[in-house]
Protein backbone atom coordinates (compact mmCIF):
# COMPACT_ATOMS: atom_id res chain seq x y z
CA MET A 1 -16.25 -1.61 7.40
CA THR A 2 -13.01 -2.52 9.94
CA SER A 3 -10.87 -5.73 9.45
CA GLN A 4 -8.33 -7.15 11.43
CA PHE A 5 -6.91 -10.29 10.91
CA SER A 6 -4.38 -12.81 11.37
CA SER A 7 -0.76 -12.72 9.23
CA GLU A 8 -0.05 -16.74 9.29
CA PHE A 9 -2.49 -16.40 6.16
CA LEU A 10 -0.75 -13.78 4.34
CA PRO A 11 1.54 -14.58 1.50
CA SER A 12 5.41 -14.09 2.43
CA GLU A 13 7.13 -10.51 1.46
CA ALA A 14 9.52 -12.58 -1.05
CA ALA A 15 6.64 -14.50 -2.71
CA ILE A 16 5.03 -10.90 -3.53
CA ALA A 17 7.90 -9.33 -4.60
CA ASN A 18 9.92 -11.91 -6.65
CA ILE A 19 6.84 -13.60 -8.65
CA PRO A 20 6.33 -10.38 -10.36
CA GLU A 21 9.43 -9.27 -11.01
CA ALA A 22 10.29 -12.77 -12.36
CA THR A 23 7.59 -12.71 -14.99
CA ARG A 24 8.76 -9.07 -15.79
CA THR A 25 12.16 -10.55 -16.68
CA GLN A 26 10.63 -13.02 -19.06
CA VAL A 27 8.18 -10.51 -20.88
CA SER A 28 9.58 -7.77 -23.15
CA THR A 29 7.42 -4.14 -23.05
CA GLU A 30 6.05 -4.95 -26.83
CA GLU A 31 4.65 -7.86 -25.70
CA MET A 32 2.82 -5.79 -22.83
CA GLU A 33 1.81 -3.84 -25.27
CA ARG A 34 0.37 -6.37 -27.73
CA ALA A 35 -1.55 -8.04 -24.74
CA VAL A 36 -3.29 -4.27 -24.15
CA ARG A 37 -3.79 -3.93 -28.24
CA THR A 38 -5.40 -7.35 -27.69
CA LEU A 39 -7.60 -6.22 -24.93
CA LEU A 40 -8.50 -3.39 -26.76
CA VAL A 41 -10.38 -5.19 -29.84
CA GLY A 42 -11.78 -7.88 -27.19
CA LEU A 43 -13.78 -4.60 -26.24
CA GLY A 44 -14.89 -3.86 -29.36
CA GLU A 45 -12.67 -1.26 -30.37
CA ASP A 46 -10.18 -0.42 -33.39
CA PRO A 47 -7.34 0.25 -31.51
CA ASP A 48 -5.53 1.81 -34.74
CA ARG A 49 -7.90 4.62 -34.67
CA GLU A 50 -6.46 8.24 -33.49
CA GLY A 51 -7.49 8.52 -29.95
CA LEU A 52 -6.23 4.71 -29.19
CA ARG A 53 -2.94 4.05 -31.41
CA ASP A 54 -0.90 4.78 -28.53
CA THR A 55 -2.74 3.70 -25.92
CA PRO A 56 -0.76 0.48 -25.00
CA LYS A 57 2.20 2.31 -25.01
CA ARG A 58 0.64 4.60 -22.51
CA VAL A 59 -1.29 1.73 -20.45
CA VAL A 60 2.37 -0.34 -19.93
CA LYS A 61 4.02 2.88 -19.03
CA ALA A 62 1.22 4.04 -16.51
CA LEU A 63 0.67 -0.04 -15.09
CA LYS A 64 5.08 -0.10 -14.32
CA PHE A 65 4.47 3.28 -12.62
CA LEU A 66 1.46 2.50 -10.72
CA THR A 67 3.65 -1.60 -9.76
CA GLN A 68 7.20 0.43 -9.19
CA GLY A 69 7.30 -1.05 -5.57
CA TYR A 70 8.11 -4.29 -6.90
CA ASN A 71 11.14 -3.03 -7.67
CA GLN A 72 12.37 -1.20 -4.30
CA SER A 73 13.27 -3.02 -1.60
CA LEU A 74 13.61 -1.73 2.58
CA ASP A 75 17.22 -1.19 2.81
CA GLU A 76 17.49 0.78 -0.69
CA LEU A 77 14.59 3.13 0.84
CA LEU A 78 15.74 3.66 4.18
CA ASN A 79 19.71 4.76 2.88
CA GLY A 80 20.65 4.66 6.54
CA ALA A 81 17.93 7.05 7.95
CA VAL A 82 17.51 5.14 11.12
CA PHE A 83 19.04 6.88 13.85
CA HIS A 84 19.58 5.93 17.91
CA GLU A 85 17.42 8.52 20.34
CA ASP A 86 16.76 7.79 23.74
CA THR A 87 12.88 8.50 23.99
CA ASP A 88 9.87 6.56 24.09
CA GLU A 89 7.37 9.12 23.37
CA MET A 90 4.95 7.96 20.82
CA VAL A 91 5.77 8.88 17.34
CA LEU A 92 2.79 9.50 14.70
CA VAL A 93 2.73 9.85 10.93
CA ARG A 94 -0.99 10.68 10.08
CA ASP A 95 -2.83 11.30 6.59
CA ILE A 96 -0.31 10.03 4.59
CA ASP A 97 -1.94 9.85 1.02
CA ILE A 98 -1.71 6.46 -0.76
CA PHE A 99 -2.89 5.24 -4.36
CA SER A 100 -2.76 1.64 -4.68
CA SER A 101 -4.38 -1.01 -7.65
CA CYS A 102 -7.05 -3.72 -6.63
CA GLU A 103 -5.08 -6.87 -7.79
CA HIS A 104 -8.47 -8.57 -8.16
CA HIS A 105 -9.68 -5.90 -10.89
CA ILE A 106 -6.66 -3.69 -11.11
CA LEU A 107 -8.92 -0.42 -9.91
CA PRO A 108 -7.45 2.24 -7.70
CA ILE A 109 -7.77 1.96 -4.57
CA ILE A 110 -7.57 5.76 -2.62
CA GLY A 111 -7.06 6.39 1.11
CA ARG A 112 -4.56 7.39 3.84
CA VAL A 113 -2.41 5.72 6.13
CA HIS A 114 -1.64 6.63 9.82
CA VAL A 115 1.60 4.97 11.13
CA ALA A 116 2.46 5.22 15.07
CA TYR A 117 5.54 3.53 16.89
CA ILE A 118 6.85 3.79 20.18
CA PRO A 119 10.50 3.59 19.91
CA ASN A 120 12.94 1.63 21.71
CA GLY A 121 16.42 3.53 21.16
CA ARG A 122 15.57 3.55 17.89
CA VAL A 123 13.64 6.18 15.34
CA ILE A 124 13.30 6.59 11.42
CA GLY A 125 13.62 9.63 9.49
CA LEU A 126 9.95 10.89 9.17
CA SER A 127 9.66 11.07 5.67
CA LYS A 128 11.16 7.02 5.34
CA ILE A 129 7.46 6.69 7.09
CA ALA A 130 5.31 7.91 4.17
CA ARG A 131 7.78 6.00 1.74
CA ILE A 132 7.24 2.75 3.32
CA CYS A 133 3.93 3.44 2.72
CA GLU A 134 4.45 4.39 -0.67
CA MET A 135 6.41 1.56 -1.89
CA TYR A 136 4.00 -0.89 -0.20
CA ALA A 137 0.87 0.23 -2.46
CA ARG A 138 2.57 0.93 -5.70
CA ARG A 139 2.13 -3.07 -5.93
CA LEU A 140 -1.16 -4.91 -6.61
CA GLN A 141 -2.61 -5.40 -3.36
CA VAL A 142 -6.00 -5.77 -0.80
CA GLN A 143 -5.70 -3.39 1.74
CA GLU A 144 -5.29 -6.27 4.62
CA ARG A 145 -1.88 -7.23 2.94
CA LEU A 146 -0.73 -3.45 2.90
CA THR A 147 -2.04 -2.60 6.65
CA HIS A 148 0.29 -5.78 7.28
CA ARG A 149 3.34 -5.17 5.44
CA ILE A 150 3.48 -1.55 6.55
CA ALA A 151 3.30 -2.73 10.46
CA GLU A 152 5.81 -6.05 9.94
CA ALA A 153 8.18 -3.41 7.89
CA ILE A 154 8.44 -0.63 10.91
CA GLU A 155 8.92 -3.75 13.23
CA SER A 156 11.33 -5.26 11.75
CA ILE A 157 13.74 -1.93 11.20
CA LEU A 158 13.49 -0.54 14.47
CA LYS A 159 12.02 -3.28 17.13
CA PRO A 160 9.88 -0.59 18.64
CA GLN A 161 7.91 -1.09 21.60
CA GLY A 162 5.10 -0.81 19.68
CA VAL A 163 3.47 -0.49 16.20
CA ALA A 164 0.09 0.41 15.12
CA VAL A 165 -0.89 1.28 11.70
CA VAL A 166 -4.49 2.10 10.32
CA VAL A 167 -5.31 2.48 6.61
CA GLU A 168 -8.68 3.94 5.24
CA ALA A 169 -8.88 3.77 1.92
CA THR A 170 -12.23 3.69 -0.49
CA HIS A 171 -11.70 0.57 -3.68
CA MET A 172 -12.89 1.64 -7.14
CA CYS A 173 -13.79 -1.94 -7.67
CA MET A 174 -16.65 -1.46 -5.12
CA VAL A 175 -18.04 2.55 -6.60
CA MET A 176 -16.89 1.65 -10.35
CA ARG A 177 -18.66 -1.55 -10.04
CA GLY A 178 -19.69 -4.85 -8.58
CA VAL A 179 -22.15 -3.55 -5.61
CA GLN A 180 -21.63 -0.12 -7.13
CA LYS A 181 -21.65 1.65 -3.53
CA PRO A 182 -19.97 5.41 -4.42
CA GLY A 183 -18.88 6.68 -0.58
CA SER A 184 -18.08 3.21 1.11
CA TRP A 185 -14.90 2.68 2.42
CA THR A 186 -12.77 0.30 4.17
CA VAL A 187 -10.90 0.96 7.60
CA SER A 188 -8.27 -1.75 8.38
CA SER A 189 -5.89 -2.22 11.33
CA ALA A 190 -2.91 -3.75 12.75
CA MET A 191 -1.50 -3.31 15.89
CA ARG A 192 1.67 -4.42 17.62
CA GLY A 193 3.31 -4.58 21.16
CA VAL A 194 1.74 -2.06 23.34
CA PHE A 195 -0.72 -0.90 21.26
CA ALA A 196 -2.07 -4.35 21.30
CA GLU A 197 -1.50 -4.95 25.30
CA ASP A 198 -2.33 -1.92 26.50
CA VAL A 199 -5.91 -0.49 25.96
CA ARG A 200 -4.74 3.45 26.93
CA THR A 201 -2.21 3.58 24.31
CA ARG A 202 -4.41 2.33 21.74
CA GLN A 203 -7.21 4.41 22.64
CA GLU A 204 -4.22 7.73 22.54
CA PHE A 205 -3.44 6.25 19.04
CA MET A 206 -7.46 6.01 17.75
CA SER A 207 -8.09 9.32 19.30
CA LEU A 208 -5.11 10.92 17.52
CA ILE A 209 -5.96 10.10 14.31
CA ARG A 210 -9.72 10.67 14.70
CA HIS A 211 -11.21 12.34 11.81
CA THR A 212 -13.86 12.49 8.71
CA PRO A 213 -12.15 10.83 5.87
CA ALA A 214 -11.22 13.03 2.92
CA PHE A 215 -12.89 10.96 -0.11
CA HIS A 216 -16.24 11.82 1.75
């Protein structure tokens, strides 16, 4: 499945980042652990048995780790790693592993991201591209939004001639429940600037990332 979409339907970055953060300031870790305990009881389990006694604590700790992107910002992440460089050749970082969580079921999204841009006098440290992908992945997500946010971030930081982002992922909400289709995967893309306007540039990018997804 391939997805392209209009960004006008996406919630703003502030809305995505700030609402969960505000909620966290009002809910204690102990309250979150009690909520997990309630879920265990509702599932028919005994949260006091040995194997589950510390599960609420572990679940809350895991969820905080998996959503730590809410507490990160682009400025802190970049830490000045943007440099002036006189080049206009494509820069591509491919096969960036991501682990995210579906906001509809809080089940894993596992996949890869490919990011390319054509500089316009500025370049970014290569490791920062992977960190940007990770920051947005470590939030409750839908794949389309994740794809858009990564492209938006690169575009806002560098003002390049163009940005291209492709995300390939498998969604556990489709594999473990619902339609139960192991091996299914989704491809979403965001093309900006010359990648959207120039067919040859877009084709070059797509040929460079062409492969069979690792999770097949």
